Protein backbone atom coordinates (compact mmCIF):
# COMPACT_ATOMS: atom_id res chain seq x y z
CA MET A 1 0.00 0.00 0.00
CA PRO A 2 1.39 3.43 -0.87
CA MET A 3 0.99 4.88 2.65
CA GLN A 4 2.48 1.94 4.71
CA PRO A 5 6.11 3.21 4.70
CA ASN A 6 4.96 6.48 6.28
CA ARG A 7 3.19 4.66 9.15
CA ASN A 8 6.29 2.46 9.84
CA PHE A 9 8.44 5.52 9.91
CA GLU A 10 6.21 7.35 12.35
CA GLY A 11 5.93 4.30 14.74
CA ARG A 12 9.63 3.72 14.87
CA ALA A 13 10.29 7.37 15.46
CA VAL A 14 8.01 7.28 18.49
CA ARG A 15 9.81 4.25 19.90
CA LEU A 16 13.15 5.96 19.39
CA LEU A 17 11.85 9.04 21.19
CA LEU A 18 10.74 7.01 24.27
CA ILE A 19 14.06 5.19 24.56
CA SER A 20 15.91 8.48 24.23
CA LEU A 21 13.87 9.94 27.08
CA VAL A 22 14.74 6.96 29.35
CA LEU A 23 18.40 7.28 28.56
CA ALA A 24 18.24 10.99 29.03
CA GLY A 25 16.66 10.50 32.45
CA THR A 26 19.45 8.12 33.47
CA ALA A 27 22.10 10.43 32.16
CA LEU A 28 20.61 13.34 34.09
CA SER A 29 20.74 11.50 37.48
CA PRO A 30 22.89 13.30 40.10
CA ALA A 31 26.55 12.58 39.54
CA PRO A 32 27.38 12.04 43.18
CA ALA A 33 24.79 9.32 43.36
CA LEU A 34 26.31 7.49 40.34
CA ALA A 35 29.75 7.91 41.78
CA GLN A 36 28.72 6.39 45.05
CA THR A 37 26.67 3.61 43.46
CA THR A 38 27.90 0.66 41.48
CA ILE A 39 25.62 -0.24 38.43
CA PRO A 40 24.63 -3.85 38.57
CA GLU A 41 25.78 -6.04 35.69
CA ASP A 42 22.26 -6.91 34.46
CA ILE A 43 21.31 -3.21 34.27
CA ALA A 44 24.50 -2.44 32.36
CA ARG A 45 23.58 -5.16 29.81
CA GLN A 46 20.07 -3.63 29.41
CA ILE A 47 21.54 -0.19 28.83
CA ALA A 48 23.92 -1.59 26.21
CA ALA A 49 21.04 -3.38 24.53
CA MET A 50 19.03 -0.16 24.48
CA GLN A 51 21.91 1.74 22.95
CA ALA A 52 22.23 -0.91 20.23
CA GLU A 53 18.49 -0.70 19.55
CA ILE A 54 18.74 3.08 19.33
CA ALA A 55 21.54 2.80 16.77
CA ARG A 56 19.54 0.27 14.70
CA LEU A 57 16.37 2.39 14.83
CA SER A 58 18.36 5.51 13.90
CA ALA A 59 19.71 3.75 10.81
CA GLU A 60 16.22 2.52 9.85
CA VAL A 61 14.76 5.98 10.35
CA ALA A 62 17.44 7.52 8.12
CA GLU A 63 16.68 4.90 5.40
CA LEU A 64 12.94 5.52 5.56
CA LYS A 65 13.48 9.27 5.45
CA ALA A 66 15.62 8.89 2.33
CA GLU A 67 12.89 6.82 0.63
CA LYS A 68 10.29 9.41 1.61
CA ASP A 69 12.42 12.26 0.20
CA GLU A 70 12.88 10.31 -3.06
CA ARG A 71 9.14 9.76 -3.46
CA GLU A 72 8.37 13.41 -2.84
CA ALA A 73 10.92 14.45 -5.49
CA VAL A 74 8.84 12.70 -8.28
CA PRO A 75 5.94 15.01 -9.51
CA PRO A 76 2.51 13.49 -8.90
CA VAL A 77 0.60 12.06 -11.87
CA PRO A 78 -2.30 14.47 -12.63
CA PHE A 79 -5.77 13.12 -12.19
CA ALA A 80 -7.36 12.29 -15.53
CA PRO A 81 -11.09 11.68 -15.34
CA ALA A 82 -12.51 9.11 -17.71
CA VAL A 83 -13.88 10.64 -20.92
CA ALA A 84 -16.98 9.12 -22.40
CA ALA A 85 -16.88 8.22 -26.07
CA VAL A 86 -18.43 10.93 -28.28
CA SER A 87 -21.63 9.78 -29.87
CA PRO A 88 -21.84 10.17 -33.68
CA ALA A 89 -25.02 12.17 -33.16
CA LEU A 90 -22.96 14.81 -31.29
CA SER A 91 -20.44 15.30 -34.11
CA VAL A 92 -19.18 18.84 -34.72
CA PRO A 93 -21.46 20.66 -37.27
CA VAL A 94 -20.09 21.85 -40.60
CA PRO A 95 -19.26 25.59 -40.35
CA ILE A 96 -21.46 27.95 -42.40
CA GLU A 97 -19.70 30.44 -44.68
CA THR A 98 -21.46 33.66 -45.70
CA GLU A 99 -20.67 35.80 -48.74
CA TRP A 100 -22.47 39.04 -49.59
CA LYS A 101 -23.87 39.47 -53.11
CA ALA A 102 -26.32 42.29 -52.37
CA ALA A 103 -27.77 39.75 -49.90
CA PRO A 104 -26.15 37.06 -47.75
CA GLU A 105 -25.36 33.84 -49.63
CA MET A 106 -24.76 31.04 -47.15
CA SER A 107 -22.76 27.91 -47.98
CA SER A 108 -22.14 24.79 -45.92
CA GLY A 109 -19.17 23.63 -48.00
CA ASP A 110 -20.82 20.27 -48.75
CA GLY A 111 -23.05 21.33 -51.66
CA PHE A 112 -25.76 23.33 -49.86
CA THR A 113 -26.15 27.06 -50.58
CA PHE A 114 -29.00 29.44 -49.74
CA LYS A 115 -29.60 33.04 -50.82
CA PRO A 116 -32.64 35.31 -50.51
CA ARG A 117 -33.45 37.28 -53.66
CA GLY A 118 -35.84 40.05 -54.59
CA ARG A 119 -36.46 43.22 -56.56
CA LEU A 120 -38.59 46.34 -56.34
CA GLN A 121 -39.59 48.57 -59.27
CA LEU A 122 -41.59 51.76 -58.71
CA ASP A 123 -43.01 53.43 -61.87
CA THR A 124 -44.67 56.74 -62.57
CA ALA A 125 -45.76 57.48 -66.15
CA THR A 126 -48.10 59.59 -68.23
CA VAL A 127 -49.97 58.84 -71.46
CA GLU A 128 -51.05 61.91 -73.44
CA ALA A 129 -53.64 60.87 -76.03
CA PRO A 130 -55.97 63.03 -78.15
CA ASP A 131 -59.27 64.16 -76.69
CA GLY A 132 -61.95 61.59 -77.23
CA VAL A 133 -59.82 58.52 -76.55
CA ALA A 134 -61.93 56.62 -74.04
CA GLY A 135 -60.59 54.56 -71.20
CA HIS A 136 -59.46 54.92 -67.63
CA GLY A 137 -55.76 54.99 -66.90
CA LEU A 138 -54.64 57.60 -69.40
CA GLY A 139 -52.89 60.65 -68.02
CA VAL A 140 -50.58 60.25 -65.00
CA GLY A 141 -50.37 56.91 -63.22
CA THR A 142 -48.17 55.35 -60.54
CA GLU A 143 -47.72 51.69 -59.72
CA ILE A 144 -45.50 49.14 -58.05
CA ARG A 145 -44.45 47.50 -61.28
CA ARG A 146 -42.76 44.51 -59.65
CA ALA A 147 -42.09 43.40 -56.09
CA PHE A 148 -40.37 40.03 -56.28
CA LEU A 149 -39.37 38.04 -53.22
CA GLY A 150 -37.87 34.57 -53.14
CA VAL A 151 -34.94 32.30 -52.47
CA GLU A 152 -32.45 30.33 -54.56
CA GLY A 153 -29.56 27.99 -53.95
CA SER A 154 -27.92 24.68 -54.70
CA LEU A 155 -28.17 21.14 -53.37
CA PRO A 156 -25.63 18.30 -53.28
CA GLY A 157 -25.43 16.38 -56.52
CA ASP A 158 -25.31 19.38 -58.92
CA PHE A 159 -28.93 20.39 -58.26
CA GLY A 160 -30.19 23.94 -57.88
CA TYR A 161 -33.51 25.62 -57.12
CA ARG A 162 -35.39 28.92 -57.20
CA ILE A 163 -38.72 29.87 -55.65
CA GLU A 164 -39.98 33.40 -56.31
CA ALA A 165 -43.25 35.33 -56.37
CA ASP A 166 -44.40 38.80 -57.43
CA LEU A 167 -46.20 40.54 -54.56
CA ALA A 168 -47.05 43.76 -56.42
CA ASN A 169 -50.59 45.16 -56.41
CA SER A 170 -51.59 43.26 -53.24
CA SER A 171 -51.63 39.90 -55.00
CA VAL A 172 -49.32 36.90 -55.25
CA GLU A 173 -48.22 35.66 -58.65
CA LEU A 174 -45.63 32.93 -59.00
CA THR A 175 -42.71 33.81 -61.24
CA ASP A 176 -39.71 31.43 -61.31
CA VAL A 177 -40.42 28.19 -59.42
CA PHE A 178 -38.10 25.44 -60.58
CA ILE A 179 -35.39 22.90 -59.82
CA ASN A 180 -32.50 22.34 -62.19
CA PHE A 181 -29.77 19.77 -62.67
CA LYS A 182 -26.35 20.58 -64.10
CA PRO A 183 -24.45 17.34 -64.77
CA SER A 184 -21.73 19.21 -66.69
CA ASP A 185 -20.56 22.72 -67.44
CA GLU A 186 -22.35 22.59 -70.81
CA LEU A 187 -25.74 21.04 -69.95
CA THR A 188 -28.55 22.32 -67.71
CA LEU A 189 -31.91 20.59 -67.27
CA THR A 190 -34.79 22.54 -65.69
CA VAL A 191 -38.24 21.47 -64.50
CA GLY A 192 -40.88 23.80 -63.09
CA GLN A 193 -42.18 27.24 -64.01
CA HIS A 194 -39.70 29.24 -66.08
CA LYS A 195 -39.50 31.12 -69.36
CA PRO A 196 -39.75 29.38 -72.72
CA PHE A 197 -37.22 30.68 -75.22
CA GLY A 198 -38.95 33.71 -76.70
CA GLY A 199 -35.96 35.78 -77.82
CA ILE A 200 -33.08 37.95 -76.64
CA GLU A 201 -35.20 40.66 -75.01
CA GLU A 202 -37.68 38.25 -73.41
CA LEU A 203 -34.80 36.28 -71.88
CA THR A 204 -33.06 39.45 -70.69
CA SER A 205 -34.11 40.06 -67.08
CA ASP A 206 -36.46 43.02 -66.59
CA LEU A 207 -33.71 44.34 -64.26
CA PHE A 208 -31.49 45.00 -67.28
CA THR A 209 -33.86 45.99 -70.13
CA SER A 210 -33.13 49.29 -71.84
CA MET A 211 -36.73 50.61 -71.83
CA LEU A 212 -39.46 50.67 -69.18
CA GLU A 213 -41.25 47.87 -71.05
CA ARG A 214 -40.14 45.23 -73.52
CA ALA A 215 -41.09 45.36 -77.20
CA ALA A 216 -44.83 45.48 -77.89
CA PHE A 217 -44.92 42.01 -79.47
CA THR A 218 -43.67 40.28 -76.27
CA SER A 219 -46.86 41.15 -74.38
CA ALA A 220 -49.13 41.03 -77.44
CA PHE A 221 -48.08 37.48 -78.33
CA GLY A 222 -48.38 36.21 -74.76
CA PHE A 223 -44.74 35.55 -73.91
CA GLU A 224 -44.82 34.41 -70.26
CA ARG A 225 -43.43 31.85 -67.82
CA ARG A 226 -44.95 28.38 -68.09
CA VAL A 227 -44.63 25.07 -66.26
CA GLY A 228 -42.50 22.62 -68.19
CA LEU A 229 -39.29 20.72 -68.78
CA SER A 230 -36.39 22.19 -70.73
CA GLY A 231 -32.74 21.63 -71.52
CA ALA A 232 -30.00 24.08 -72.47
CA TRP A 233 -26.65 23.14 -73.96
CA SER A 234 -23.88 25.72 -74.26
CA GLY A 235 -20.55 24.96 -75.83
CA GLY A 236 -18.14 27.60 -77.07
CA ASP A 237 -20.11 30.12 -79.14
CA LEU A 238 -23.19 27.92 -79.59
CA LEU A 239 -26.29 27.82 -77.38
CA VAL A 240 -29.17 25.38 -77.95
CA GLN A 241 -32.39 25.54 -75.86
CA VAL A 242 -35.41 23.21 -76.21
CA GLY A 243 -38.42 22.57 -74.00
CA ALA A 244 -41.97 21.30 -73.62
CA PHE A 245 -44.40 23.39 -71.58
CA ALA A 246 -47.95 23.39 -70.28
CA ASP A 247 -49.40 26.78 -69.24
CA ASN A 248 -48.71 29.40 -66.60
CA ALA A 249 -49.11 28.08 -63.04
CA GLU A 250 -52.02 30.44 -62.35
CA ASP A 251 -53.88 29.36 -65.50
CA LEU A 252 -53.33 25.69 -64.67
CA ILE A 253 -55.67 26.09 -61.67
CA ASP A 254 -58.44 25.62 -64.25
CA ASP A 255 -58.81 21.82 -64.56
CA SER A 256 -59.87 22.16 -68.20
CA ASN A 257 -56.54 23.76 -69.18
CA ASN A 258 -54.54 21.01 -70.88
CA SER A 259 -52.71 23.14 -73.46
CA TYR A 260 -49.09 22.47 -74.30
CA SER A 261 -46.28 24.02 -76.34
CA LEU A 262 -42.98 23.00 -77.89
CA ASP A 263 -40.26 25.67 -77.95
CA GLY A 264 -36.72 25.83 -79.29
CA ARG A 265 -34.00 28.43 -79.76
CA VAL A 266 -30.48 28.44 -81.22
CA VAL A 267 -27.92 31.21 -80.71
CA PHE A 268 -24.52 31.58 -82.32
CA SER A 269 -22.39 34.32 -80.72
CA PRO A 270 -18.80 34.48 -82.05
CA GLU A 271 -16.30 37.23 -81.44
CA VAL A 272 -16.17 39.59 -84.43
CA GLY A 273 -14.18 42.81 -84.79
CA GLY A 274 -13.29 42.99 -81.13
CA GLY A 275 -16.93 42.58 -80.06
CA ARG A 276 -19.61 39.90 -79.76
CA LEU A 277 -21.99 39.13 -82.64
CA HIS A 278 -25.32 37.55 -81.69
CA LEU A 279 -27.30 35.52 -84.26
CA GLY A 280 -30.42 33.79 -82.98
CA GLY A 281 -33.59 32.10 -84.11
CA SER A 282 -36.53 30.51 -82.32
CA ALA A 283 -39.58 28.42 -83.19
CA HIS A 284 -42.71 27.84 -81.11
CA TYR A 285 -45.81 25.71 -81.50
CA ARG A 286 -48.75 25.74 -79.10
CA ASP A 287 -51.81 23.51 -79.07
CA LEU A 288 -54.67 25.00 -77.04
CA ASN A 289 -56.07 21.46 -76.63
CA ASP A 290 -59.46 22.58 -75.25
CA ALA A 291 -57.85 25.10 -72.87
CA SER A 292 -59.65 27.96 -74.62
CA PRO A 293 -61.48 28.29 -77.94
CA THR A 294 -60.03 31.77 -78.56
CA VAL A 295 -56.82 33.82 -78.49
CA ARG A 296 -56.35 37.58 -78.25
CA TYR A 297 -53.43 39.86 -79.17
CA ARG A 298 -53.10 43.40 -77.79
CA ALA A 299 -50.46 45.83 -76.50
CA ARG A 300 -50.17 48.78 -74.12
CA PRO A 301 -48.86 52.16 -75.35
CA PHE A 302 -45.18 51.80 -74.36
CA VAL A 303 -45.81 52.00 -70.57
CA HIS A 304 -47.54 49.72 -68.05
CA THR A 305 -49.33 52.23 -65.78
CA THR A 306 -52.45 52.06 -67.99
CA ASP A 307 -54.61 49.06 -68.86
CA VAL A 308 -55.84 50.75 -72.04
CA ARG A 309 -54.72 48.93 -75.20
CA LEU A 310 -54.87 51.11 -78.28
CA VAL A 311 -54.29 48.09 -80.56
CA ASP A 312 -56.35 44.93 -79.95
CA THR A 313 -57.57 42.09 -82.18
CA GLY A 314 -60.33 41.04 -79.82
CA ASP A 315 -61.08 37.34 -79.41
CA ILE A 316 -60.17 35.11 -82.34
CA THR A 317 -61.36 31.52 -82.61
CA ALA A 318 -58.32 29.22 -82.72
CA THR A 319 -56.99 25.76 -81.95
CA GLY A 320 -53.33 26.73 -81.70
CA GLU A 321 -50.47 29.09 -82.55
CA ARG A 322 -47.22 29.00 -84.50
CA ASN A 323 -44.47 31.55 -83.91
CA PHE A 324 -41.02 32.17 -85.42
CA GLY A 325 -38.45 34.70 -84.22
CA ALA A 326 -35.15 36.10 -85.47
CA GLU A 327 -32.48 37.97 -83.46
CA LEU A 328 -29.46 40.02 -84.44
CA ALA A 329 -27.22 41.94 -82.03
CA TYR A 330 -23.71 43.27 -81.72
CA VAL A 331 -21.97 44.25 -78.48
CA ARG A 332 -18.59 45.94 -78.27
CA GLY A 333 -17.40 47.72 -75.16
CA PRO A 334 -19.96 50.41 -74.22
CA PHE A 335 -21.89 50.07 -77.53
CA HIS A 336 -24.72 47.72 -78.44
CA ALA A 337 -27.17 47.35 -81.33
CA THR A 338 -30.13 44.98 -81.42
CA ALA A 339 -32.77 43.98 -83.98
CA GLU A 340 -35.44 41.38 -83.30
CA GLY A 341 -38.69 40.33 -84.95
CA HIS A 342 -41.41 37.71 -84.42
CA VAL A 343 -44.20 36.40 -86.64
CA MET A 344 -47.31 34.88 -85.02
CA THR A 345 -49.76 32.74 -86.99
CA THR A 346 -53.09 31.80 -85.46
CA LEU A 347 -54.16 28.25 -86.41
CA ARG A 348 -57.86 27.94 -87.29
CA PRO A 349 -58.78 24.72 -89.17
CA GLY A 350 -61.34 25.42 -91.85
CA LEU A 351 -60.66 29.17 -91.71
CA ASP A 352 -57.94 31.52 -92.84
CA ASP A 353 -54.89 31.55 -90.54
CA PRO A 354 -54.13 35.22 -89.84
CA THR A 355 -50.50 36.22 -89.36
CA PHE A 356 -49.33 39.14 -87.23
CA TRP A 357 -45.85 40.46 -86.63
CA GLY A 358 -43.80 42.77 -84.46
CA GLY A 359 -40.21 43.88 -84.08
CA TYR A 360 -37.80 46.58 -83.01
CA VAL A 361 -34.38 48.07 -83.75
CA GLU A 362 -32.27 49.69 -81.03
CA VAL A 363 -28.84 51.24 -80.53
CA GLY A 364 -27.34 52.27 -77.22
CA MET A 365 -24.15 53.49 -75.56
CA VAL A 366 -22.79 53.59 -72.02
CA VAL A 367 -21.35 57.10 -72.00
CA THR A 368 -19.37 57.00 -68.74
CA GLY A 369 -15.71 56.17 -69.24
CA GLY A 370 -14.58 52.62 -68.54
CA ASP A 371 -18.10 51.13 -68.38
CA THR A 372 -19.26 48.46 -70.83
CA THR A 373 -22.49 46.83 -71.97
CA ALA A 374 -22.87 43.38 -70.44
CA TYR A 375 -23.82 40.28 -72.46
CA LYS A 376 -23.98 36.71 -71.13
CA GLY A 377 -25.62 33.42 -72.11
CA GLY A 378 -27.52 34.72 -75.14
CA ALA A 379 -29.00 37.80 -73.38
CA TYR A 380 -28.03 41.18 -71.95
CA ASP A 381 -26.77 41.21 -68.37
CA ARG A 382 -26.01 43.54 -65.43
CA ILE A 383 -23.95 46.68 -66.09
CA LYS A 384 -21.52 47.17 -63.20
CA PRO A 385 -20.13 50.71 -62.86
CA THR A 386 -16.36 50.94 -62.64
CA ASP A 387 -16.73 54.14 -60.60
CA PRO A 388 -19.82 53.65 -58.41
CA VAL A 389 -21.35 56.26 -56.14
CA SER A 390 -20.39 54.14 -53.12
CA GLU A 391 -16.74 54.84 -53.95
CA GLY A 392 -17.18 58.56 -54.65
CA GLY A 393 -17.87 58.22 -58.39
CA ILE A 394 -20.94 58.98 -60.53
CA GLY A 395 -21.88 55.42 -61.49
CA ALA A 396 -22.71 54.42 -65.08
CA ILE A 397 -24.97 56.24 -67.56
CA GLN A 398 -26.51 54.54 -70.60
CA LEU A 399 -28.42 56.23 -73.46
CA ASN A 400 -30.66 54.24 -75.84
CA VAL A 401 -32.83 54.91 -78.91
CA ARG A 402 -35.41 52.44 -80.24
CA TYR A 403 -37.93 52.07 -83.03
CA ASP A 404 -40.70 49.56 -82.25
CA ARG A 405 -43.61 48.38 -84.41
CA ILE A 406 -46.44 45.88 -84.09
CA ASP A 407 -48.97 45.03 -86.82
CA LEU A 408 -52.17 43.27 -85.77
CA ASN A 409 -53.94 43.61 -89.11
CA ASP A 410 -54.46 40.68 -91.45
CA GLY A 411 -57.42 40.19 -93.76
CA ALA A 412 -60.71 40.46 -91.96
CA ILE A 413 -59.03 40.93 -88.61
CA VAL A 414 -58.15 44.56 -87.92
CA GLY A 415 -56.41 44.96 -84.59
CA GLY A 416 -54.45 48.06 -85.55
CA THR A 417 -50.81 49.07 -85.91
CA GLN A 418 -48.61 50.83 -83.38
CA GLU A 419 -45.24 52.42 -84.05
CA ALA A 420 -43.09 53.96 -81.34
CA LEU A 421 -39.92 56.00 -81.38
CA GLY A 422 -38.44 55.76 -77.90
CA PHE A 423 -35.55 57.26 -75.98
CA SER A 424 -34.22 56.21 -72.58
CA ALA A 425 -31.57 57.48 -70.17
CA ILE A 426 -30.45 55.09 -67.42
CA TRP A 427 -28.39 56.00 -64.37
CA ILE A 428 -26.79 53.09 -62.53
CA PRO A 429 -25.19 54.50 -59.34
CA THR A 430 -24.23 51.03 -58.03
CA ASP A 431 -24.47 47.46 -59.27
CA TYR A 432 -27.89 46.85 -57.72
CA VAL A 433 -29.63 50.24 -58.03
CA ARG A 434 -31.01 51.78 -61.22
CA PHE A 435 -33.02 54.85 -62.24
CA LEU A 436 -34.60 55.02 -65.70
CA PHE A 437 -36.22 57.82 -67.70
CA ASN A 438 -38.22 56.85 -70.81
CA TYR A 439 -39.93 58.91 -73.51
CA GLY A 440 -41.93 57.55 -76.43
CA HIS A 441 -43.82 59.05 -79.35
CA LEU A 442 -46.42 56.70 -80.87
CA TRP A 443 -48.24 56.56 -84.19
CA VAL A 444 -51.42 54.49 -83.96
CA GLY A 445 -53.33 53.30 -87.04
CA ASP A 446 -56.68 51.49 -87.19
CA ALA A 447 -56.84 51.95 -83.44
CA ALA A 448 -59.10 49.67 -81.44
CA VAL A 449 -59.85 52.71 -79.25
CA PRO A 450 -60.69 55.64 -81.57
CA ALA A 451 -60.33 59.31 -80.74
CA GLY A 452 -63.93 60.18 -81.42
CA THR A 453 -64.30 58.97 -84.99
CA ASP A 454 -60.57 59.12 -85.77
CA THR A 455 -58.69 55.80 -85.66
CA ASP A 456 -55.34 57.26 -86.77
CA TYR A 457 -53.62 59.53 -84.23
CA GLN A 458 -50.45 60.13 -82.23
CA VAL A 459 -49.69 59.62 -78.54
CA ASP A 460 -46.89 60.75 -76.24
CA THR A 461 -45.73 58.78 -73.22
CA MET A 462 -43.20 59.56 -70.53
CA GLY A 463 -42.17 57.51 -67.51
CA VAL A 464 -39.59 57.08 -64.77
CA ARG A 465 -38.57 54.07 -62.67
CA ALA A 466 -36.62 53.56 -59.46
CA GLN A 467 -35.45 50.02 -58.79
CA PHE A 468 -33.14 47.96 -56.66
CA ASP A 469 -32.57 44.22 -56.36
CA PHE A 470 -30.67 41.74 -54.23
C-alpha cells in the first residue's frame, strides 16, 4: 500500500523518542549518586542493549526518510477523469460560410447554398392621347411594377432551385419556381415554371432591359413563364435551348386547361471585330387542346401604368399558334445594337390563318468612361459601374434609342398598328440600383380605341422608374 512506509516511519520514530527519554533521564541522574553507586551487571547489559536498539532504529529511520524524500521528489501524476466516447449524433457541425452578393449567400461547404433574392420597381408614367380617346388609366399613373421576393440555392449532386413570387398590387403571382440539374458545365436541365425561349429581349431580365417595357410584341403574343421541362446546352459560341411546356401556373388552376407548347432556340455568338456578334432564331408551337377556344393579341402604349390597349384584335377563334423569331445583335465595349422580330400565326382549321408580326431596332451606348455593356448566355446582363457612387464616383450612364412596331392587321381581322420611337436614359449609381427615364412618341393606325371617330392619331408617353434588387 502506498501509505504503509509512512506509518512504519512514524511508529519507529516514536519508539526511538521514548528510549531516548529513558536514557536521558538516566544520564541526568545526580553525579554524586552514580559515583557512590555501582551499576549492577544486568542493568548495564540492558543499557547496552538499548543503545544498540537506538543505533539500529536511527539507521532505519534515516533509510525511511531517504525513501520518503525520493518519493516526494517525483511530480505526482495528474488526475485524468474518464472521458466518455463521443456519440456520432454529437459530431461537430459543418461551419457555415457567408458571402455578400447584395444579400447574404450562405454555404455549408458540402453542396448546400442558400440566398434570398428580390427586386422592387416603382413606376410613374403619363400617357397623353388626343381628346376623345376613351378609357381609364390615361394621363398620370403610378404603380408598383414589380415586387419580387424569393430564395435560390444549390443542393448536393449538382442540383439547384429557385422559388420566387411577385407581390405587387396586393396579390401573389408565382414567377420562377423550378429545380435544375447541371451534370456538366455545358448542360442544364430545368423542370418547373420558367421562361420558354422567346428571344433575346424576353430572356433578358427586366432588371437589365433598356426601356421601361419590352417590345410590344412580347406582351401582345403572350410571352410568359410556363410550367414545363427544358434543356439548355452551351458549348463555345453555340447555345441550344429546347423545351416542352404546359401553361402558366395560375392558368393551370383551371382543370380544363390542358394546353401544351414545344419551344426551341439556337444562338450563335462568335467574337467579331473585337466585339460579340449575336445571331439567334426561335420556333414555337402551341396547341390549345381545349384550354380555350379563342386567343387575343393586344399591347399597351409603351408603358404599363395604364390598362388601355390602343391596338387589340379582340377574341379570335383558334386551336393553336405558330411563332417564329429572329435575333441580331452586336456588343462591343460600351456600344450595343439589337434587332429582333417575331411572326405569329393563329391556327384555325377550316378558316384563314391570320399572321401578325412585331419587331424593333435599337442602338445604345454607355457614356461614362470605362463602363461596358454586359452580355452573357444569349442575353443582356447587369452593367456594373467601374466608378460607383459608393466609392465617390458617378456610377454608369446609358443612353438608348429604339424604333418599335407591331402590326395586328391581317385580312378580316383589324387589330391596328402601333409604331413607337423611344428614348431612354439610365443612371446606374451602383451594381444593384437603377433609375430610368423613358420617352416615347407613338403613331397608332386602325386603333381599337378611336379618338372620337378618328382611328389614326399620335400619342406621347413619358415615364420614370426607381429600382433595386438583391
